[in-house]
Amino acid sequence: MRIAIASGKGGTGKTTLAVNLALKLAENHSTALLDLDVEEPNSGIFLSGQDVQNLRAVRMVPQWDQKSCSLCGKCPTHCRYNAVIRLGDYIMVLPELCHSCYACSELCPDNALPMQEQSLGQIRHLRSGNLDFVESRLDIGLEQASPLIGQALDYADSHFENHKYQILDSPPGTSCAMISATKTADYAILISEPTPFGLYDLSLAVETMRHLEIDFGVVVNRWGIGNSDILDYLDKEHITLLAKIPHNREIAKSYSQGEILYQSFPEVDQAICMIIRHLEGIA
């Protein structure tokens, strides 16, 4: 069962929930945790284990071969992403816009745009007991997160097929990166906080999950701040409330020191157990 932990905004507690849920599940089941927030992965701060594999992820981008090019002008027409443009007698390739679709290369009559490897990022696999952890980290300066997220999910497909649970720590927001991370999930857990900003961004995440036709439930973090509008929203929209994690300064202090929360705070352990019971009921 592949479970995506997502939210409409950053800072709601995705990584907190993903790490604690994965470790709790790993006490009894083979579990994989994938950190797919490739621009700022931080699940690894809380985890340690034995190195299994460290891979360099690459993507393919066209490289203009000036000697072979007849300047027919077809390549800019074929590129849907404006990654190939013609400036006089020069063809410019913009790797930041390229989606590696191969259209310009395959349709070039002169074979003047061969595809070449470009570094995309790193995929690191650690193992500790029943838990396999995969961290995907985008190279600094690159803007497209989705290709690396896709490669990390492919790695999970080929290595964790027999694991009972795969937990996906997704990127924040509702952009392409979040959709790439969650679109293959069997179930999504949306985590929010009981504030007006939290509720608004949660509503965007709910719309996204409904559009992707992914079943989901909601965890309310930092319960006790803000107001109860989020509960009214969940009731009105007939959305399952999985658990509430109370606002507690000691929890925040423990988290900032890299500690595993459910092992020290009964209220967090109770919330995690409630989530697991729900997952077992729909598995």
C-alpha atoms as a PDB file:
ATOM      1  CA  MET A   1       0.000   0.000   0.000  1.00  0.00           C
ATOM      2  CA  ARG A   2       1.473   3.316  -1.127  1.00  0.00           C
ATOM      3  CA  ILE A   3       0.498   6.205   1.160  1.00  0.00           C
ATOM      4  CA  ALA A   4       1.282   9.822   0.300  1.00  0.00           C
ATOM      5  CA  ILE A   5       1.681  12.386   3.089  1.00  0.00           C
ATOM      6  CA  ALA A   6       0.775  15.749   1.577  1.00  0.00           C
ATOM      7  CA  SER A   7      -0.474  19.232   2.404  1.00  0.00           C
ATOM      8  CA  GLY A   8      -1.470  22.431   0.708  1.00  0.00           C
ATOM      9  CA  LYS A   9       1.402  24.383   2.255  1.00  0.00           C
ATOM     10  CA  GLY A  10       4.777  23.930   3.881  1.00  0.00           C
ATOM     11  CA  GLY A  11       5.397  23.705   7.596  1.00  0.00           C
ATOM     12  CA  THR A  12       2.285  21.733   8.537  1.00  0.00           C
ATOM     13  CA  GLY A  13       4.133  18.632   9.745  1.00  0.00           C
ATOM     14  CA  LYS A  14       4.401  16.341   6.710  1.00  0.00           C
ATOM     15  CA  THR A  15       7.884  15.118   7.519  1.00  0.00           C
ATOM     16  CA  THR A  16       7.015  14.740  11.211  1.00  0.00           C
ATOM     17  CA  LEU A  17       4.064  12.521  10.360  1.00  0.00           C
ATOM     18  CA  ALA A  18       5.822  10.603   7.584  1.00  0.00           C
ATOM     19  CA  VAL A  19       8.845   9.685   9.714  1.00  0.00           C
ATOM     20  CA  ASN A  20       6.876   8.716  12.813  1.00  0.00           C
ATOM     21  CA  LEU A  21       4.287   6.760  10.850  1.00  0.00           C
ATOM     22  CA  ALA A  22       6.943   4.893   8.876  1.00  0.00           C
ATOM     23  CA  LEU A  23       8.947   3.984  11.982  1.00  0.00           C
ATOM     24  CA  LYS A  24       5.818   2.837  13.821  1.00  0.00           C
ATOM     25  CA  LEU A  25       4.743   0.662  10.880  1.00  0.00           C
ATOM     26  CA  ALA A  26       8.260  -0.758  10.585  1.00  0.00           C
ATOM     27  CA  GLU A  27       7.956  -2.192  14.087  1.00  0.00           C
ATOM     28  CA  ASN A  28       5.711  -4.908  12.636  1.00  0.00           C
ATOM     29  CA  HIS A  29       5.818  -4.649   8.842  1.00  0.00           C
ATOM     30  CA  SER A  30       8.265  -4.208   5.989  1.00  0.00           C
ATOM     31  CA  THR A  31       8.028  -0.484   5.258  1.00  0.00           C
ATOM     32  CA  ALA A  32       9.658   1.951   2.857  1.00  0.00           C
ATOM     33  CA  LEU A  33       9.865   5.707   3.418  1.00  0.00           C
ATOM     34  CA  LEU A  34      10.555   7.883   0.376  1.00  0.00           C
ATOM     35  CA  ASP A  35      11.484  11.532   0.847  1.00  0.00           C
ATOM     36  CA  LEU A  36      10.159  13.074  -2.372  1.00  0.00           C
ATOM     37  CA  ASP A  37      10.537  16.690  -1.286  1.00  0.00           C
ATOM     38  CA  VAL A  38      13.560  16.716  -3.571  1.00  0.00           C
ATOM     39  CA  GLU A  39      14.309  20.437  -3.286  1.00  0.00           C
ATOM     40  CA  GLU A  40      14.612  20.245   0.493  1.00  0.00           C
ATOM     41  CA  PRO A  41      14.627  16.655   1.767  1.00  0.00           C
ATOM     42  CA  ASN A  42      14.872  16.436   5.541  1.00  0.00           C
ATOM     43  CA  SER A  43      13.438  13.073   6.614  1.00  0.00           C
ATOM     44  CA  GLY A  44      17.003  11.802   6.765  1.00  0.00           C
ATOM     45  CA  ILE A  45      17.740  14.118   9.694  1.00  0.00           C
ATOM     46  CA  PHE A  46      15.733  11.769  11.918  1.00  0.00           C
ATOM     47  CA  LEU A  47      16.941   8.457  10.484  1.00  0.00           C
ATOM     48  CA  SER A  48      20.100   6.412  10.363  1.00  0.00           C
ATOM     49  CA  GLY A  49      20.915   3.092   8.782  1.00  0.00           C
ATOM     50  CA  GLN A  50      23.225   1.102   6.594  1.00  0.00           C
ATOM     51  CA  ASP A  51      23.959   2.385   3.090  1.00  0.00           C
ATOM     52  CA  VAL A  52      22.437   0.114   0.457  1.00  0.00           C
ATOM     53  CA  GLN A  53      22.846   2.169  -2.692  1.00  0.00           C
ATOM     54  CA  ASN A  54      23.813   5.674  -3.765  1.00  0.00           C
ATOM     55  CA  LEU A  55      22.808   6.552  -7.309  1.00  0.00           C
ATOM     56  CA  ARG A  56      23.423   9.565  -9.501  1.00  0.00           C
ATOM     57  CA  ALA A  57      20.176  10.446 -11.262  1.00  0.00           C
ATOM     58  CA  VAL A  58      20.394  11.880 -14.772  1.00  0.00           C
ATOM     59  CA  ARG A  59      18.048  13.159 -17.408  1.00  0.00           C
ATOM     60  CA  MET A  60      18.423  13.487 -21.161  1.00  0.00           C
ATOM     61  CA  VAL A  61      18.603  16.888 -22.866  1.00  0.00           C
ATOM     62  CA  PRO A  62      19.398  17.766 -26.505  1.00  0.00           C
ATOM     63  CA  GLN A  63      22.818  19.107 -27.462  1.00  0.00           C
ATOM     64  CA  TRP A  64      22.985  21.115 -30.694  1.00  0.00           C
ATOM     65  CA  ASP A  65      25.460  19.811 -33.276  1.00  0.00           C
ATOM     66  CA  GLN A  66      26.158  22.911 -35.341  1.00  0.00           C
ATOM     67  CA  LYS A  67      28.119  21.061 -38.045  1.00  0.00           C
ATOM     68  CA  SER A  68      25.226  18.738 -38.849  1.00  0.00           C
ATOM     69  CA  CYS A  69      22.469  21.355 -38.673  1.00  0.00           C
ATOM     70  CA  SER A  70      20.950  22.730 -41.883  1.00  0.00           C
ATOM     71  CA  LEU A  71      18.929  25.342 -39.940  1.00  0.00           C
ATOM     72  CA  CYS A  72      15.649  24.013 -41.288  1.00  0.00           C
ATOM     73  CA  GLY A  73      13.830  25.598 -38.326  1.00  0.00           C
ATOM     74  CA  LYS A  74      11.694  22.564 -37.455  1.00  0.00           C
ATOM     75  CA  CYS A  75      13.006  21.977 -33.927  1.00  0.00           C
ATOM     76  CA  PRO A  76      11.500  25.125 -32.337  1.00  0.00           C
ATOM     77  CA  THR A  77       8.174  24.187 -33.889  1.00  0.00           C
ATOM     78  CA  HIS A  78       8.273  20.678 -32.449  1.00  0.00           C
ATOM     79  CA  CYS A  79       9.174  21.748 -28.905  1.00  0.00           C
ATOM     80  CA  ARG A  80       6.053  22.281 -26.801  1.00  0.00           C
ATOM     81  CA  TYR A  81       8.054  23.779 -23.936  1.00  0.00           C
ATOM     82  CA  ASN A  82      10.025  26.459 -25.825  1.00  0.00           C
ATOM     83  CA  ALA A  83      13.257  24.793 -24.757  1.00  0.00           C
ATOM     84  CA  VAL A  84      14.698  25.046 -28.290  1.00  0.00           C
ATOM     85  CA  ILE A  85      14.801  28.405 -30.037  1.00  0.00           C
ATOM     86  CA  ARG A  86      16.460  29.763 -33.160  1.00  0.00           C
ATOM     87  CA  LEU A  87      18.439  32.983 -33.010  1.00  0.00           C
ATOM     88  CA  GLY A  88      19.577  33.792 -36.540  1.00  0.00           C
ATOM     89  CA  ASP A  89      22.027  31.073 -37.528  1.00  0.00           C
ATOM     90  CA  TYR A  90      22.200  29.638 -34.003  1.00  0.00           C
ATOM     91  CA  ILE A  91      20.044  27.060 -32.250  1.00  0.00           C
ATOM     92  CA  MET A  92      19.856  27.600 -28.503  1.00  0.00           C
ATOM     93  CA  VAL A  93      18.834  24.821 -26.129  1.00  0.00           C
ATOM     94  CA  LEU A  94      17.473  25.859 -22.719  1.00  0.00           C
ATOM     95  CA  PRO A  95      17.944  22.826 -20.424  1.00  0.00           C
ATOM     96  CA  GLU A  96      15.897  24.437 -17.641  1.00  0.00           C
ATOM     97  CA  LEU A  97      12.788  24.235 -19.847  1.00  0.00           C
ATOM     98  CA  CYS A  98      13.462  20.837 -21.401  1.00  0.00           C
ATOM     99  CA  HIS A  99      11.126  17.986 -20.406  1.00  0.00           C
ATOM    100  CA  SER A 100      13.210  15.248 -22.086  1.00  0.00           C
ATOM    101  CA  CYS A 101      10.391  14.356 -24.463  1.00  0.00           C
ATOM    102  CA  TYR A 102      12.853  13.594 -27.319  1.00  0.00           C
ATOM    103  CA  ALA A 103      10.593  15.314 -29.902  1.00  0.00           C
ATOM    104  CA  CYS A 104      13.236  17.710 -31.227  1.00  0.00           C
ATOM    105  CA  SER A 105      15.889  14.999 -31.393  1.00  0.00           C
ATOM    106  CA  GLU A 106      13.719  12.335 -33.007  1.00  0.00           C
ATOM    107  CA  LEU A 107      12.150  14.688 -35.565  1.00  0.00           C
ATOM    108  CA  CYS A 108      15.337  16.511 -36.588  1.00  0.00           C
ATOM    109  CA  PRO A 109      16.035  15.559 -40.250  1.00  0.00           C
ATOM    110  CA  ASP A 110      19.766  16.210 -39.764  1.00  0.00           C
ATOM    111  CA  ASN A 111      20.193  14.370 -36.439  1.00  0.00           C
ATOM    112  CA  ALA A 112      21.635  17.615 -35.155  1.00  0.00           C
ATOM    113  CA  LEU A 113      20.082  17.423 -31.681  1.00  0.00           C
ATOM    114  CA  PRO A 114      21.419  14.230 -30.082  1.00  0.00           C
ATOM    115  CA  MET A 115      20.249  13.620 -26.520  1.00  0.00           C
ATOM    116  CA  GLN A 116      22.932  13.665 -23.832  1.00  0.00           C
ATOM    117  CA  GLU A 117      22.956  12.952 -20.123  1.00  0.00           C
ATOM    118  CA  GLN A 118      22.724  15.808 -17.644  1.00  0.00           C
ATOM    119  CA  SER A 119      23.037  15.372 -13.889  1.00  0.00           C
ATOM    120  CA  LEU A 120      19.677  15.649 -12.143  1.00  0.00           C
ATOM    121  CA  GLY A 121      20.329  14.727  -8.547  1.00  0.00           C
ATOM    122  CA  GLN A 122      21.023  11.901  -6.149  1.00  0.00           C
ATOM    123  CA  ILE A 123      19.025   8.921  -4.878  1.00  0.00           C
ATOM    124  CA  ARG A 124      20.283   7.451  -1.606  1.00  0.00           C
ATOM    125  CA  HIS A 125      18.962   4.205  -0.089  1.00  0.00           C
ATOM    126  CA  LEU A 126      19.459   3.333   3.594  1.00  0.00           C
ATOM    127  CA  ARG A 127      18.175   0.322   5.545  1.00  0.00           C
ATOM    128  CA  SER A 128      17.504  -0.076   9.245  1.00  0.00           C
ATOM    129  CA  GLY A 129      15.637  -3.204  10.353  1.00  0.00           C
ATOM    130  CA  ASN A 130      12.269  -3.380   8.595  1.00  0.00           C
ATOM    131  CA  LEU A 131      12.591   0.178   7.294  1.00  0.00           C
ATOM    132  CA  ASP A 132      14.043   1.110   3.913  1.00  0.00           C
ATOM    133  CA  PHE A 133      14.607   4.839   3.483  1.00  0.00           C
ATOM    134  CA  VAL A 134      15.139   6.549   0.133  1.00  0.00           C
ATOM    135  CA  GLU A 135      16.189  10.181  -0.066  1.00  0.00           C
ATOM    136  CA  SER A 136      16.003  11.950  -3.422  1.00  0.00           C
ATOM    137  CA  ARG A 137      17.904  15.234  -3.618  1.00  0.00           C
ATOM    138  CA  LEU A 138      17.783  17.604  -6.608  1.00  0.00           C
ATOM    139  CA  ASP A 139      21.009  19.234  -7.774  1.00  0.00           C
ATOM    140  CA  ILE A 140      21.356  22.850  -6.693  1.00  0.00           C
ATOM    141  CA  GLY A 141      20.190  25.280  -9.376  1.00  0.00           C
ATOM    142  CA  LEU A 142      17.807  22.892 -11.143  1.00  0.00           C
ATOM    143  CA  GLU A 143      14.139  23.826 -11.257  1.00  0.00           C
ATOM    144  CA  GLN A 144      12.306  20.685 -12.356  1.00  0.00           C
ATOM    145  CA  ALA A 145      11.566  18.377  -9.447  1.00  0.00           C
ATOM    146  CA  SER A 146       9.161  15.997 -11.193  1.00  0.00           C
ATOM    147  CA  PRO A 147      11.734  13.977 -13.214  1.00  0.00           C
ATOM    148  CA  LEU A 148      13.702  13.100 -10.065  1.00  0.00           C
ATOM    149  CA  ILE A 149      10.513  12.272  -8.164  1.00  0.00           C
ATOM    150  CA  GLY A 150       9.569   9.926 -10.996  1.00  0.00           C
ATOM    151  CA  GLN A 151      12.936   8.172 -10.841  1.00  0.00           C
ATOM    152  CA  ALA A 152      12.643   7.749  -7.057  1.00  0.00           C
ATOM    153  CA  LEU A 153       9.205   6.163  -7.492  1.00  0.00           C
ATOM    154  CA  ASP A 154      10.582   3.891 -10.211  1.00  0.00           C
ATOM    155  CA  TYR A 155      13.293   2.836  -7.760  1.00  0.00           C
ATOM    156  CA  ALA A 156      10.601   2.002  -5.215  1.00  0.00           C
ATOM    157  CA  ASP A 157       8.672  -0.016  -7.810  1.00  0.00           C
ATOM    158  CA  SER A 158      11.729  -2.149  -8.564  1.00  0.00           C
ATOM    159  CA  HIS A 159      13.015  -2.566  -4.988  1.00  0.00           C
ATOM    160  CA  PHE A 160      10.010  -2.450  -2.616  1.00  0.00           C
ATOM    161  CA  GLU A 161       7.304  -4.311  -4.494  1.00  0.00           C
ATOM    162  CA  ASN A 162       6.877  -6.790  -1.637  1.00  0.00           C
ATOM    163  CA  HIS A 163       6.875  -4.232   1.173  1.00  0.00           C
ATOM    164  CA  LYS A 164       3.546  -3.917   2.914  1.00  0.00           C
ATOM    165  CA  TYR A 165       3.717  -0.127   3.142  1.00  0.00           C
ATOM    166  CA  GLN A 166       5.372   2.652   1.172  1.00  0.00           C
ATOM    167  CA  ILE A 167       5.188   6.093   2.800  1.00  0.00           C
ATOM    168  CA  LEU A 168       5.752   9.069   0.502  1.00  0.00           C
ATOM    169  CA  ASP A 169       6.876  12.346   2.103  1.00  0.00           C
ATOM    170  CA  SER A 170       5.568  14.647  -0.638  1.00  0.00           C
ATOM    171  CA  PRO A 171       6.558  18.220  -1.575  1.00  0.00           C
ATOM    172  CA  PRO A 172       4.409  20.994  -0.108  1.00  0.00           C
ATOM    173  CA  GLY A 173       1.712  22.829  -2.021  1.00  0.00           C
ATOM    174  CA  THR A 174      -0.309  21.654  -5.009  1.00  0.00           C
ATOM    175  CA  SER A 175       2.189  22.215  -7.815  1.00  0.00           C
ATOM    176  CA  CYS A 176       3.469  19.741 -10.410  1.00  0.00           C
ATOM    177  CA  ALA A 177       5.955  18.295  -7.903  1.00  0.00           C
ATOM    178  CA  MET A 178       3.231  17.426  -5.398  1.00  0.00           C
ATOM    179  CA  ILE A 179       1.087  15.863  -8.112  1.00  0.00           C
ATOM    180  CA  SER A 180       4.034  13.816  -9.394  1.00  0.00           C
ATOM    181  CA  ALA A 181       4.666  12.518  -5.871  1.00  0.00           C
ATOM    182  CA  THR A 182       1.069  11.586  -5.070  1.00  0.00           C
ATOM    183  CA  LYS A 183      -0.502  10.465  -8.352  1.00  0.00           C
ATOM    184  CA  THR A 184       0.492   6.803  -7.904  1.00  0.00           C
ATOM    185  CA  ALA A 185      -0.610   6.615  -4.252  1.00  0.00           C
ATOM    186  CA  ASP A 186      -3.309   4.230  -3.067  1.00  0.00           C
ATOM    187  CA  TYR A 187      -4.241   6.615  -0.278  1.00  0.00           C
ATOM    188  CA  ALA A 188      -3.290  10.151   0.787  1.00  0.00           C
ATOM    189  CA  ILE A 189      -3.035  11.660   4.246  1.00  0.00           C
ATOM    190  CA  LEU A 190      -3.440  15.428   4.134  1.00  0.00           C
ATOM    191  CA  ILE A 191      -2.026  17.202   7.157  1.00  0.00           C
ATOM    192  CA  SER A 192      -3.104  20.713   8.094  1.00  0.00           C
ATOM    193  CA  GLU A 193      -3.297  23.086  11.014  1.00  0.00           C
ATOM    194  CA  PRO A 194      -6.429  24.767  12.459  1.00  0.00           C
ATOM    195  CA  THR A 195      -5.783  28.273  11.138  1.00  0.00           C
ATOM    196  CA  PRO A 196      -7.399  30.260   8.309  1.00  0.00           C
ATOM    197  CA  PHE A 197      -4.276  29.839   6.164  1.00  0.00           C
ATOM    198  CA  GLY A 198      -4.134  26.128   6.956  1.00  0.00           C
ATOM    199  CA  LEU A 199      -7.779  25.631   6.049  1.00  0.00           C
ATOM    200  CA  TYR A 200      -7.493  27.519   2.764  1.00  0.00           C
ATOM    201  CA  ASP A 201      -4.451  25.540   1.645  1.00  0.00           C
ATOM    202  CA  LEU A 202      -6.050  22.290   2.815  1.00  0.00           C
ATOM    203  CA  SER A 203      -9.025  22.998   0.565  1.00  0.00           C
ATOM    204  CA  LEU A 204      -6.649  23.255  -2.419  1.00  0.00           C
ATOM    205  CA  ALA A 205      -5.060  19.921  -1.518  1.00  0.00           C
ATOM    206  CA  VAL A 206      -8.520  18.343  -1.180  1.00  0.00           C
ATOM    207  CA  GLU A 207      -9.467  19.569  -4.659  1.00  0.00           C
ATOM    208  CA  THR A 208      -6.222  18.119  -6.020  1.00  0.00           C
ATOM    209  CA  MET A 209      -6.817  14.689  -4.487  1.00  0.00           C
ATOM    210  CA  ARG A 210     -10.375  14.629  -5.778  1.00  0.00           C
ATOM    211  CA  HIS A 211      -9.172  15.539  -9.253  1.00  0.00           C
ATOM    212  CA  LEU A 212      -6.601  12.715  -9.096  1.00  0.00           C
ATOM    213  CA  GLU A 213      -9.341  10.395  -7.741  1.00  0.00           C
ATOM    214  CA  ILE A 214      -7.226   9.388  -4.743  1.00  0.00           C
ATOM    215  CA  ASP A 215      -8.993   8.459  -1.509  1.00  0.00           C
ATOM    216  CA  PHE A 216      -7.767  10.533   1.434  1.00  0.00           C
ATOM    217  CA  GLY A 217      -8.184  11.523   5.058  1.00  0.00           C
ATOM    218  CA  VAL A 218      -6.990  14.479   7.117  1.00  0.00           C
ATOM    219  CA  VAL A 219      -4.756  14.846  10.162  1.00  0.00           C
ATOM    220  CA  VAL A 220      -5.007  18.118  12.082  1.00  0.00           C
ATOM    221  CA  ASN A 221      -1.661  19.083  13.588  1.00  0.00           C
ATOM    222  CA  ARG A 222      -1.085  21.639  16.362  1.00  0.00           C
ATOM    223  CA  TRP A 223      -4.650  21.223  17.548  1.00  0.00           C
ATOM    224  CA  GLY A 224      -5.394  23.930  20.111  1.00  0.00           C
ATOM    225  CA  ILE A 225      -4.232  26.955  18.148  1.00  0.00           C
ATOM    226  CA  GLY A 226      -6.483  28.866  15.771  1.00  0.00           C
ATOM    227  CA  ASN A 227     -10.124  27.783  15.725  1.00  0.00           C
ATOM    228  CA  SER A 228     -12.409  24.852  14.918  1.00  0.00           C
ATOM    229  CA  ASP A 229     -13.371  25.995  11.399  1.00  0.00           C
ATOM    230  CA  ILE A 230     -11.351  23.133   9.938  1.00  0.00           C
ATOM    231  CA  LEU A 231     -13.574  20.580  11.702  1.00  0.00           C
ATOM    232  CA  ASP A 232     -16.683  22.274  10.296  1.00  0.00           C
ATOM    233  CA  TYR A 233     -15.105  22.100   6.830  1.00  0.00           C
ATOM    234  CA  LEU A 234     -14.313  18.394   7.155  1.00  0.00           C
ATOM    235  CA  ASP A 235     -17.849  17.658   8.338  1.00  0.00           C
ATOM    236  CA  LYS A 236     -19.396  19.681   5.525  1.00  0.00           C
ATOM    237  CA  GLU A 237     -17.241  18.019   2.872  1.00  0.00           C
ATOM    238  CA  HIS A 238     -17.687  14.517   4.384  1.00  0.00           C
ATOM    239  CA  ILE A 239     -13.934  14.097   4.816  1.00  0.00           C
ATOM    240  CA  THR A 240     -12.514  11.561   7.271  1.00  0.00           C
ATOM    241  CA  LEU A 241     -10.683  13.043  10.246  1.00  0.00           C
ATOM    242  CA  LEU A 242      -7.924  10.539  10.968  1.00  0.00           C
ATOM    243  CA  ALA A 243      -6.398  12.123  14.068  1.00  0.00           C
ATOM    244  CA  LYS A 244      -5.610  15.336  15.910  1.00  0.00           C
ATOM    245  CA  ILE A 245      -2.108  16.023  17.211  1.00  0.00           C
ATOM    246  CA  PRO A 246      -2.191  18.609  20.027  1.00  0.00           C
ATOM    247  CA  HIS A 247      -0.152  21.795  20.073  1.00  0.00           C
ATOM    248  CA  ASN A 248       2.591  21.238  22.632  1.00  0.00           C
ATOM    249  CA  ARG A 249       5.760  23.243  23.075  1.00  0.00           C
ATOM    250  CA  GLU A 250       7.600  20.170  24.361  1.00  0.00           C
ATOM    251  CA  ILE A 251       6.727  18.286  21.170  1.00  0.00           C
ATOM    252  CA  ALA A 252       8.177  21.113  19.093  1.00  0.00           C
ATOM    253  CA  LYS A 253      11.305  21.191  21.274  1.00  0.00           C
ATOM    254  CA  SER A 254      11.793  17.439  20.933  1.00  0.00           C
ATOM    255  CA  TYR A 255      11.271  17.610  17.174  1.00  0.00           C
ATOM    256  CA  SER A 256      13.857  20.392  16.839  1.00  0.00           C
ATOM    257  CA  GLN A 257      16.385  18.085  18.489  1.00  0.00           C
ATOM    258  CA  GLY A 258      15.755  15.340  15.936  1.00  0.00           C
ATOM    259  CA  GLU A 259      13.905  12.998  18.290  1.00  0.00           C
ATOM    260  CA  ILE A 260      11.196  10.502  17.315  1.00  0.00           C
ATOM    261  CA  LEU A 261       7.982  11.868  18.799  1.00  0.00           C
ATOM    262  CA  TYR A 262       5.750   8.825  19.239  1.00  0.00           C
ATOM    263  CA  GLN A 263       8.360   7.198  21.467  1.00  0.00           C
ATOM    264  CA  SER A 264       8.218  10.069  23.975  1.00  0.00           C
ATOM    265  CA  PHE A 265       4.715  11.528  23.712  1.00  0.00           C
ATOM    266  CA  PRO A 266       1.679   9.280  24.294  1.00  0.00           C
ATOM    267  CA  GLU A 267      -0.629  11.703  22.500  1.00  0.00           C
ATOM    268  CA  VAL A 268       1.464  11.429  19.322  1.00  0.00           C
ATOM    269  CA  ASP A 269       1.639   7.635  19.646  1.00  0.00           C
ATOM    270  CA  GLN A 270      -2.144   7.527  20.036  1.00  0.00           C
ATOM    271  CA  ALA A 271      -2.629   9.632  16.900  1.00  0.00           C
ATOM    272  CA  ILE A 272      -0.249   7.419  14.901  1.00  0.00           C
ATOM    273  CA  CYS A 273      -2.059   4.278  16.110  1.00  0.00           C
ATOM    274  CA  MET A 274      -5.412   5.749  15.042  1.00  0.00           C
ATOM    275  CA  ILE A 275      -4.031   6.392  11.569  1.00  0.00           C
ATOM    276  CA  ILE A 276      -2.614   2.855  11.323  1.00  0.00           C
ATOM    277  CA  ARG A 277      -5.960   1.325  12.356  1.00  0.00           C
ATOM    278  CA  HIS A 278      -7.662   3.277   9.579  1.00  0.00           C
ATOM    279  CA  LEU A 279      -5.042   2.162   7.033  1.00  0.00           C
ATOM    280  CA  GLU A 280      -5.432  -1.464   8.094  1.00  0.00           C
ATOM    281  CA  GLY A 281      -9.179  -1.125   7.646  1.00  0.00           C
ATOM    282  CA  ILE A 282      -8.884  -0.008   4.029  1.00  0.00           C
ATOM    283  CA  ALA A 283      -5.854  -2.079   2.981  1.00  0.00           C
END
